[in-house]
């Protein structure tokens, strides 16, 4: 297939006319698809329905230690749920604190606590003249919303196939005391789907921060979300690597079952050093008397152990894989060789990242919306919603059916072609 960049003005104009007719036909199909968020599809939610039957009005509601989950107690979470989440996060049970249904909530609380009370006795961030966070991009928009909400200055760090630009990370962290944190999605990153290499994880663990209260916010949201049994990414244990490097307090690890069981009704957890966990608990004792222990018990009894969760996640993979493949096949067939876009082919997670020609992302998203397909807003994968190249678009294949995803991908490809031609004609 001939590259659009090699076409003459006349060829581009002729092709544009054909594509505009195809776009009018597509608009007439009345598509109404929403791919703006990584929501599990209905079939994925159905997979977890049996969990609702493991506890009923006649169930024994006591934990393995004999504590009644209907009552107060177990502020740090019931033991069997802490064991389950520890195994999911590849850490020790003692390093795990169970919270509510949302890991995003824990991250918000962690930043808020640092702003108001400092980090393990340090000066509260709200009393400092400037606080910065490093933000690997493209990244997770809700991370950026938290730091933006608290008025923290965000610094873009390029994200490569093996992780963030560690030369830049080291330069900032090791020399600038105003840098207090970095957002990370280390496995099947949102939105690119890449996983951090062993070298990158070790370099993180061996940082020598200029600020004693610097912390790595390690959002391991997709640690069990593999798409293929024979193609599974693995990452080093950041908590262990930090301990080896003499930096045991430097990392917070976050995870949840929001995309494992029920979105909005899962279990979340934070793992860190014992000193960090103790400091977090000092806030929680004021904030709450305890999170939903009945839900914790439900999860623990349903999965029993990490092997039960692993088998459960294979069911999710069987449902997700055809949706990813539907998109990738359409992209390969419709865009390969045209030099107007590149995309990722992840081994897991929830997203495909697409990079259009510079200056085209907003127009592509707008054209798709006009024809009935809603995408994540262009720029959302960058702090302040500002993509300096206006090129990155996050594709979320999870909610529609595979057939709907194929139709949406066809429309997306059509919009990419049209917008790219318009951009190229501007230069003719």
Protein backbone atom coordinates (compact mmCIF):
# COMPACT_ATOMS: atom_id res chain seq x y z
CA UNK A 1 0.00 0.00 0.00
CA UNK A 2 1.40 3.37 -1.04
CA UNK A 3 2.35 5.78 1.72
CA UNK A 4 0.17 8.88 1.89
CA UNK A 5 3.32 10.93 2.28
CA UNK A 6 4.47 9.80 -1.18
CA UNK A 7 1.21 10.79 -2.90
CA UNK A 8 0.84 13.83 -5.10
CA UNK A 9 -1.68 16.56 -4.34
CA UNK A 10 -3.95 15.22 -7.08
CA UNK A 11 -3.83 11.69 -5.68
CA UNK A 12 -4.61 12.95 -2.18
CA UNK A 13 -7.58 15.02 -3.41
CA UNK A 14 -9.03 12.07 -5.31
CA UNK A 15 -8.63 9.79 -2.33
CA UNK A 16 -10.14 12.42 -0.04
CA UNK A 17 -13.29 12.56 -2.17
CA UNK A 18 -13.73 8.77 -1.96
CA UNK A 19 -13.14 8.77 1.80
CA UNK A 20 -15.62 11.58 2.38
CA UNK A 21 -18.32 9.53 0.64
CA UNK A 22 -17.41 6.54 2.80
CA UNK A 23 -17.61 8.74 5.90
CA UNK A 24 -21.10 9.93 4.97
CA UNK A 25 -22.16 6.29 4.59
CA UNK A 26 -20.64 5.48 8.00
CA UNK A 27 -22.52 8.35 9.65
CA UNK A 28 -25.72 6.94 8.22
CA UNK A 29 -25.26 3.65 10.08
CA UNK A 30 -26.23 5.27 13.36
CA UNK A 31 -23.38 3.89 15.45
CA UNK A 32 -23.55 4.59 19.19
CA UNK A 33 -20.43 3.21 20.82
CA UNK A 34 -18.55 4.55 23.84
CA UNK A 35 -14.85 3.69 24.11
CA UNK A 36 -13.95 6.62 26.33
CA UNK A 37 -13.19 4.57 29.48
CA UNK A 38 -11.75 1.14 30.22
CA UNK A 39 -15.01 -0.27 31.51
CA UNK A 40 -15.39 -4.05 31.73
CA UNK A 41 -17.99 -5.40 29.33
CA UNK A 42 -21.23 -6.96 30.53
CA UNK A 43 -19.94 -10.47 29.86
CA UNK A 44 -16.95 -9.76 32.11
CA UNK A 45 -19.21 -8.62 34.93
CA UNK A 46 -21.24 -11.80 34.52
CA UNK A 47 -18.10 -13.89 35.10
CA UNK A 48 -18.02 -12.78 38.74
CA UNK A 49 -21.70 -13.27 39.56
CA UNK A 50 -21.12 -16.56 41.45
CA UNK A 51 -19.14 -14.56 44.03
CA UNK A 52 -22.43 -13.11 45.24
CA UNK A 53 -23.53 -16.58 46.32
CA UNK A 54 -20.61 -17.40 48.61
CA UNK A 55 -22.19 -15.41 51.47
CA UNK A 56 -25.86 -15.30 52.44
CA UNK A 57 -27.97 -14.80 55.57
CA UNK A 58 -27.09 -18.23 56.91
CA UNK A 59 -23.32 -17.94 56.33
CA UNK A 60 -20.67 -18.01 59.03
CA UNK A 61 -19.47 -14.41 58.92
CA UNK A 62 -16.34 -14.92 61.00
CA UNK A 63 -12.80 -14.69 59.68
CA UNK A 64 -10.30 -17.51 60.05
CA UNK A 65 -9.15 -15.81 63.26
CA UNK A 66 -12.72 -15.75 64.57
CA UNK A 67 -13.42 -12.04 64.12
CA UNK A 68 -16.99 -11.12 63.14
CA UNK A 69 -16.94 -9.26 59.80
CA UNK A 70 -20.34 -7.71 60.59
CA UNK A 71 -18.82 -5.72 63.43
CA UNK A 72 -16.01 -3.23 63.99
CA UNK A 73 -12.39 -4.38 63.93
CA UNK A 74 -9.62 -5.41 61.53
CA UNK A 75 -8.86 -1.84 60.49
CA UNK A 76 -6.02 -3.06 58.27
CA UNK A 77 -8.28 -5.66 56.60
CA UNK A 78 -9.15 -9.26 57.43
CA UNK A 79 -6.20 -11.63 57.30
CA UNK A 80 -7.37 -13.87 54.47
CA UNK A 81 -8.04 -10.88 52.20
CA UNK A 82 -4.65 -9.38 53.04
CA UNK A 83 -3.05 -12.70 52.07
CA UNK A 84 -4.96 -12.78 48.79
CA UNK A 85 -4.05 -9.21 47.84
CA UNK A 86 -0.45 -9.74 48.98
CA UNK A 87 -0.17 -12.68 46.58
CA UNK A 88 -1.74 -10.62 43.80
CA UNK A 89 0.79 -7.84 44.41
CA UNK A 90 3.73 -10.24 45.02
CA UNK A 91 4.48 -8.84 48.48
CA UNK A 92 4.28 -10.05 52.08
CA UNK A 93 0.99 -9.93 53.95
CA UNK A 94 2.45 -7.68 56.67
CA UNK A 95 3.18 -5.03 54.05
CA UNK A 96 -0.45 -4.88 52.87
CA UNK A 97 -3.27 -2.64 54.02
CA UNK A 98 -6.79 -3.31 52.68
CA UNK A 99 -8.95 -0.29 51.94
CA UNK A 100 -12.27 0.30 50.16
CA UNK A 101 -13.34 -0.46 46.63
CA UNK A 102 -11.00 1.92 44.78
CA UNK A 103 -7.22 2.13 44.55
CA UNK A 104 -7.68 5.60 43.04
CA UNK A 105 -9.20 6.61 46.38
CA UNK A 106 -6.07 5.38 48.19
CA UNK A 107 -3.86 7.36 45.82
CA UNK A 108 -5.93 10.49 46.37
CA UNK A 109 -5.75 9.99 50.16
CA UNK A 110 -2.00 9.43 49.98
CA UNK A 111 -1.42 12.69 48.12
CA UNK A 112 -3.91 14.50 50.37
CA UNK A 113 -2.22 13.16 53.52
CA UNK A 114 1.17 14.26 52.19
CA UNK A 115 -0.22 17.72 51.51
CA UNK A 116 -1.76 18.11 54.98
CA UNK A 117 0.49 16.02 57.26
CA UNK A 118 3.68 15.49 55.30
CA UNK A 119 5.35 12.13 54.71
CA UNK A 120 6.41 10.25 57.83
CA UNK A 121 6.99 13.46 59.75
CA UNK A 122 8.33 15.68 56.95
CA UNK A 123 7.05 19.19 56.27
CA UNK A 124 3.51 19.09 54.86
CA UNK A 125 3.62 19.74 51.15
CA UNK A 126 1.03 22.50 51.47
CA UNK A 127 3.59 24.53 53.43
CA UNK A 128 6.22 24.32 50.70
CA UNK A 129 6.66 26.96 48.00
CA UNK A 130 6.62 24.38 45.20
CA UNK A 131 5.84 20.68 44.83
CA UNK A 132 6.46 18.74 41.59
CA UNK A 133 5.42 15.31 40.34
CA UNK A 134 6.98 13.49 37.42
CA UNK A 135 4.44 12.13 34.93
CA UNK A 136 5.46 9.48 32.35
CA UNK A 137 3.50 10.26 29.18
CA UNK A 138 1.30 9.13 27.68
CA UNK A 139 -0.21 8.13 31.01
CA UNK A 140 -3.34 7.71 33.13
CA UNK A 141 -5.53 10.80 33.11
CA UNK A 142 -6.95 10.21 36.60
CA UNK A 143 -3.45 10.24 38.10
CA UNK A 144 -2.88 13.64 36.57
CA UNK A 145 -6.24 14.90 37.81
CA UNK A 146 -5.23 14.16 41.41
CA UNK A 147 -2.00 16.13 41.29
CA UNK A 148 -3.64 18.93 39.29
CA UNK A 149 -6.41 19.14 41.91
CA UNK A 150 -3.85 19.78 44.66
CA UNK A 151 -1.98 22.37 42.60
CA UNK A 152 1.10 20.19 42.19
CA UNK A 153 3.26 21.07 39.19
CA UNK A 154 3.49 18.16 36.75
CA UNK A 155 6.54 17.43 34.61
CA UNK A 156 6.26 15.31 31.45
CA UNK A 157 8.64 12.35 31.24
CA UNK A 158 8.73 10.41 27.93
CA UNK A 159 7.57 6.79 28.21
CA UNK A 160 9.46 4.31 26.05
CA UNK A 161 8.97 0.62 25.29
CA UNK A 162 10.85 -0.38 28.46
CA UNK A 163 9.51 2.33 30.80
CA UNK A 164 10.06 6.04 31.56
CA UNK A 165 13.16 7.94 30.42
CA UNK A 166 15.25 7.06 33.48
CA UNK A 167 17.99 9.53 32.64
CA UNK A 168 15.42 12.31 33.05
CA UNK A 169 13.89 10.69 36.13
CA UNK A 170 17.28 10.42 37.84
CA UNK A 171 18.21 13.97 36.88
CA UNK A 172 15.04 15.39 38.42
CA UNK A 173 14.73 13.13 41.47
CA UNK A 174 18.38 13.14 42.49
CA UNK A 175 18.89 16.89 42.07
CA UNK A 176 15.60 18.73 42.61
CA UNK A 177 14.23 18.65 46.19
CA UNK A 178 10.86 19.99 44.99
CA UNK A 179 10.22 16.70 43.17
CA UNK A 180 8.13 14.68 45.63
CA UNK A 181 6.72 11.87 43.53
CA UNK A 182 6.26 10.08 40.23
CA UNK A 183 3.20 8.34 38.83
CA UNK A 184 3.85 4.85 37.44
CA UNK A 185 1.72 2.12 35.85
CA UNK A 186 4.55 -0.40 35.62
CA UNK A 187 2.77 -3.36 34.02
CA UNK A 188 0.64 -3.10 30.87
CA UNK A 189 0.80 0.65 31.28
CA UNK A 190 -2.25 2.83 30.69
CA UNK A 191 -2.50 3.55 27.76
CA UNK A 192 0.49 2.05 25.91
CA UNK A 193 0.39 -1.44 27.40
CA UNK A 194 4.19 -1.56 27.89
CA UNK A 195 5.80 -3.08 30.99
CA UNK A 196 8.88 -1.77 32.77
CA UNK A 197 12.12 -3.66 32.15
CA UNK A 198 14.24 -5.11 34.96
CA UNK A 199 16.82 -2.38 34.41
CA UNK A 200 14.19 0.36 34.76
CA UNK A 201 12.80 -1.14 37.98
CA UNK A 202 16.31 -1.41 39.46
CA UNK A 203 17.08 2.18 38.50
CA UNK A 204 13.90 3.27 40.25
CA UNK A 205 14.90 1.36 43.37
CA UNK A 206 18.37 2.91 43.35
CA UNK A 207 17.27 6.52 43.05
CA UNK A 208 18.95 8.88 45.50
CA UNK A 209 16.26 11.53 46.00
CA UNK A 210 17.19 15.07 46.88
CA UNK A 211 13.93 15.10 48.89
CA UNK A 212 13.66 12.65 51.79
CA UNK A 213 9.88 12.64 51.31
CA UNK A 214 10.03 11.59 47.64
CA UNK A 215 7.80 8.60 46.87
CA UNK A 216 7.16 6.37 43.86
CA UNK A 217 3.43 5.92 43.28
CA UNK A 218 3.46 2.43 41.74
CA UNK A 219 -0.05 1.78 40.43
CA UNK A 220 0.10 -1.92 39.54
CA UNK A 221 -3.49 -1.92 38.31
CA UNK A 222 -3.02 -4.59 35.64
CA UNK A 223 -0.70 -7.02 37.40
CA UNK A 224 -2.98 -10.03 36.70
CA UNK A 225 -4.56 -8.77 33.47
CA UNK A 226 -2.83 -10.91 30.85
CA UNK A 227 -4.39 -11.40 27.43
CA UNK A 228 -2.38 -14.45 26.40
CA UNK A 229 -1.29 -17.53 28.34
CA UNK A 230 1.91 -17.84 26.27
CA UNK A 231 2.74 -14.11 26.15
CA UNK A 232 2.78 -12.68 29.65
CA UNK A 233 4.89 -9.76 30.81
CA UNK A 234 6.68 -9.94 34.15
CA UNK A 235 8.22 -7.17 36.22
CA UNK A 236 10.61 -7.15 39.15
CA UNK A 237 9.24 -6.69 42.65
CA UNK A 238 9.80 -2.98 43.30
CA UNK A 239 9.39 -3.29 47.08
CA UNK A 240 12.07 -5.96 47.28
CA UNK A 241 14.37 -3.99 44.99
CA UNK A 242 13.92 -0.86 47.12
CA UNK A 243 14.77 -2.85 50.25
CA UNK A 244 17.91 -4.22 48.57
CA UNK A 245 18.93 -0.68 47.58
CA UNK A 246 18.46 0.65 51.10
CA UNK A 247 15.33 2.63 50.13
CA UNK A 248 12.55 0.60 51.82
CA UNK A 249 10.23 3.58 52.32
CA UNK A 250 10.48 4.99 48.79
CA UNK A 251 7.52 3.21 47.16
CA UNK A 252 3.76 2.84 47.57
CA UNK A 253 2.21 0.00 45.55
CA UNK A 254 -1.49 0.21 44.69
CA UNK A 255 -3.84 -2.44 43.31
CA UNK A 256 -7.50 -3.45 43.32
CA UNK A 257 -9.96 -6.01 42.03
CA UNK A 258 -12.01 -3.37 40.22
CA UNK A 259 -11.42 -5.09 36.86
CA UNK A 260 -11.13 -8.55 38.42
CA UNK A 261 -14.57 -8.79 40.04
CA UNK A 262 -17.01 -5.86 40.04
CA UNK A 263 -16.05 -2.32 39.11
CA UNK A 264 -17.05 -0.13 42.02
CA UNK A 265 -17.52 -3.11 44.34
CA UNK A 266 -14.08 -4.64 44.46
CA UNK A 267 -11.34 -4.56 47.08
CA UNK A 268 -8.32 -2.24 46.97
CA UNK A 269 -4.98 -2.38 48.73
CA UNK A 270 -1.76 -0.48 49.28
CA UNK A 271 1.55 -2.19 49.96
CA UNK A 272 4.63 -0.50 51.33
CA UNK A 273 7.26 -0.64 54.06
CA UNK A 274 6.07 -1.27 57.61
CA UNK A 275 6.99 2.32 58.51
CA UNK A 276 4.89 3.72 55.67
CA UNK A 277 1.97 1.42 56.51
CA UNK A 278 2.07 2.54 60.13
CA UNK A 279 1.96 6.19 59.05
CA UNK A 280 -1.01 5.53 56.74
CA UNK A 281 -2.78 3.70 59.56
CA UNK A 282 -2.37 6.76 61.80
CA UNK A 283 -4.65 8.65 59.43
CA UNK A 284 -7.07 5.77 58.91
CA UNK A 285 -7.75 5.47 62.62
CA UNK A 286 -9.15 9.02 62.44
CA UNK A 287 -10.78 8.65 59.04
CA UNK A 288 -12.67 5.36 59.47
CA UNK A 289 -13.41 2.53 61.88
CA UNK A 290 -12.94 0.06 59.06
CA UNK A 291 -13.74 -0.74 55.45
CA UNK A 292 -16.25 -3.28 54.14
CA UNK A 293 -15.08 -6.53 55.73
CA UNK A 294 -18.03 -8.54 54.39
CA UNK A 295 -16.87 -7.71 50.87
CA UNK A 296 -13.32 -8.68 51.85
CA UNK A 297 -14.63 -12.01 53.17
CA UNK A 298 -16.64 -12.55 50.00
CA UNK A 299 -13.55 -12.07 47.84
CA UNK A 300 -11.35 -14.27 50.01
CA UNK A 301 -13.84 -17.14 50.10
CA UNK A 302 -14.59 -16.93 46.39
CA UNK A 303 -10.97 -17.01 45.20
CA UNK A 304 -9.54 -18.99 48.16
CA UNK A 305 -6.01 -18.12 46.99
CA UNK A 306 -4.04 -16.61 44.12
CA UNK A 307 -4.55 -19.77 42.03
CA UNK A 308 -8.29 -19.17 42.11
CA UNK A 309 -7.75 -15.60 40.95
CA UNK A 310 -5.42 -16.76 38.16
CA UNK A 311 -8.05 -19.16 36.83
CA UNK A 312 -10.68 -16.44 37.09
CA UNK A 313 -8.53 -14.04 35.06
CA UNK A 314 -8.25 -16.58 32.25
CA UNK A 315 -12.00 -16.15 31.75
CA UNK A 316 -11.51 -12.40 31.46
CA UNK A 317 -8.69 -12.91 28.96
CA UNK A 318 -10.89 -15.12 26.79
CA UNK A 319 -13.43 -12.31 26.62
CA UNK A 320 -10.96 -9.44 26.15
CA UNK A 321 -8.60 -11.02 23.62
CA UNK A 322 -11.07 -11.09 20.67
CA UNK A 323 -11.81 -7.39 21.20
CA UNK A 324 -8.14 -6.43 21.07
CA UNK A 325 -7.60 -8.68 18.05
CA UNK A 326 -10.57 -7.15 16.25
CA UNK A 327 -9.06 -3.67 16.59
CA UNK A 328 -5.53 -4.71 15.71
CA UNK A 329 -6.61 -6.63 12.62
CA UNK A 330 -8.54 -3.63 11.29
CA UNK A 331 -5.61 -1.31 12.01
CA UNK A 332 -3.15 -3.63 10.29
CA UNK A 333 -5.39 -4.09 7.26
CA UNK A 334 -6.41 -0.44 6.95
CA UNK A 335 -3.34 1.55 8.01
CA UNK A 336 -0.23 -0.56 7.59
CA UNK A 337 2.26 1.08 5.25
CA UNK A 338 0.43 4.41 4.99
CA UNK A 339 2.78 6.22 7.42
CA UNK A 340 -0.08 8.07 9.10
CA UNK A 341 -0.20 6.28 12.43
CA UNK A 342 1.40 3.76 14.77
CA UNK A 343 -0.18 1.67 17.51
CA UNK A 344 0.74 -0.70 20.32
CA UNK A 345 0.08 -4.44 20.49
CA UNK A 346 0.10 -5.16 24.25
CA UNK A 347 0.23 -8.52 25.99
CA UNK A 348 -2.26 -7.41 28.61
CA UNK A 349 -4.05 -4.53 30.27
CA UNK A 350 -7.03 -2.58 28.98
CA UNK A 351 -5.83 -0.22 26.27
CA UNK A 352 -4.26 0.25 22.86
CA UNK A 353 -2.33 3.47 22.34
CA UNK A 354 -2.51 5.09 18.90
CA UNK A 355 -0.18 7.86 17.71
CA UNK A 356 -1.50 9.80 14.74
CA UNK A 357 0.42 12.32 12.66
CA UNK A 358 1.31 15.40 14.66
CA UNK A 359 -1.59 17.83 14.95
CA UNK A 360 -4.28 15.27 14.09
CA UNK A 361 -5.56 13.64 17.31
CA UNK A 362 -8.23 16.20 18.24
CA UNK A 363 -9.66 16.23 14.74
CA UNK A 364 -9.77 12.41 14.58
CA UNK A 365 -11.57 12.16 17.91
CA UNK A 366 -14.06 14.83 16.83
CA UNK A 367 -14.80 13.08 13.52
CA UNK A 368 -15.34 9.76 15.29
CA UNK A 369 -17.75 11.38 17.75
CA UNK A 370 -19.69 13.00 14.93
CA UNK A 371 -20.20 9.54 13.42
CA UNK A 372 -21.24 7.91 16.70
CA UNK A 373 -18.04 6.58 18.29
CA UNK A 374 -16.91 8.30 21.50
CA UNK A 375 -13.20 8.04 22.36
CA UNK A 376 -11.16 9.32 25.27
CA UNK A 377 -10.57 13.01 24.66
CA UNK A 378 -7.41 13.85 22.75
CA UNK A 379 -4.81 15.12 25.21
CA UNK A 380 -6.27 13.23 28.18
CA UNK A 381 -3.17 11.04 28.41
CA UNK A 382 -1.04 14.11 29.24
CA UNK A 383 -1.01 16.42 32.29
CA UNK A 384 -3.46 19.33 32.03
CA UNK A 385 -4.97 17.60 28.97
CA UNK A 386 -2.22 19.09 26.80
CA UNK A 387 -0.57 16.74 24.32
CA UNK A 388 2.24 18.88 22.86
CA UNK A 389 2.11 16.97 19.58
CA UNK A 390 -1.67 16.47 19.49
CA UNK A 391 -1.08 12.90 18.33
CA UNK A 392 -1.92 10.37 21.08
CA UNK A 393 -5.32 8.64 21.28
CA UNK A 394 -6.27 5.98 23.83
CA UNK A 395 -8.37 3.09 22.50
CA UNK A 396 -10.42 1.22 25.13
CA UNK A 397 -11.72 -2.03 23.58
CA UNK A 398 -13.23 -3.62 26.70
CA UNK A 399 -16.88 -2.53 26.80
CA UNK A 400 -18.25 -3.12 23.24
CA UNK A 401 -18.59 -6.60 21.74
CA UNK A 402 -15.88 -7.83 19.32
CA UNK A 403 -18.24 -7.12 16.41
CA UNK A 404 -18.91 -3.61 17.67
CA UNK A 405 -15.18 -3.08 18.18
CA UNK A 406 -14.46 -4.09 14.59
CA UNK A 407 -17.08 -1.62 13.34
CA UNK A 408 -15.73 1.13 15.57
CA UNK A 409 -12.16 0.41 14.44
CA UNK A 410 -13.22 0.65 10.78
CA UNK A 411 -14.71 4.08 11.45
CA UNK A 412 -11.62 5.12 13.39
CA UNK A 413 -9.36 4.10 10.48
CA UNK A 414 -11.56 6.06 8.09
CA UNK A 415 -11.30 9.16 10.29
CA UNK A 416 -7.52 8.76 10.61
CA UNK A 417 -7.21 8.64 6.83
CA UNK A 418 -9.40 11.69 6.26
CA UNK A 419 -7.75 13.87 8.88
CA UNK A 420 -4.26 12.79 7.77
CA UNK A 421 -4.99 13.71 4.16
CA UNK A 422 -6.30 17.10 5.24
CA UNK A 423 -3.10 17.68 7.22
CA UNK A 424 -0.91 16.63 4.30
CA UNK A 425 -2.84 18.87 1.88
CA UNK A 426 -2.08 21.85 4.11
CA UNK A 427 1.58 21.34 3.22
CA UNK A 428 1.05 20.95 -0.54
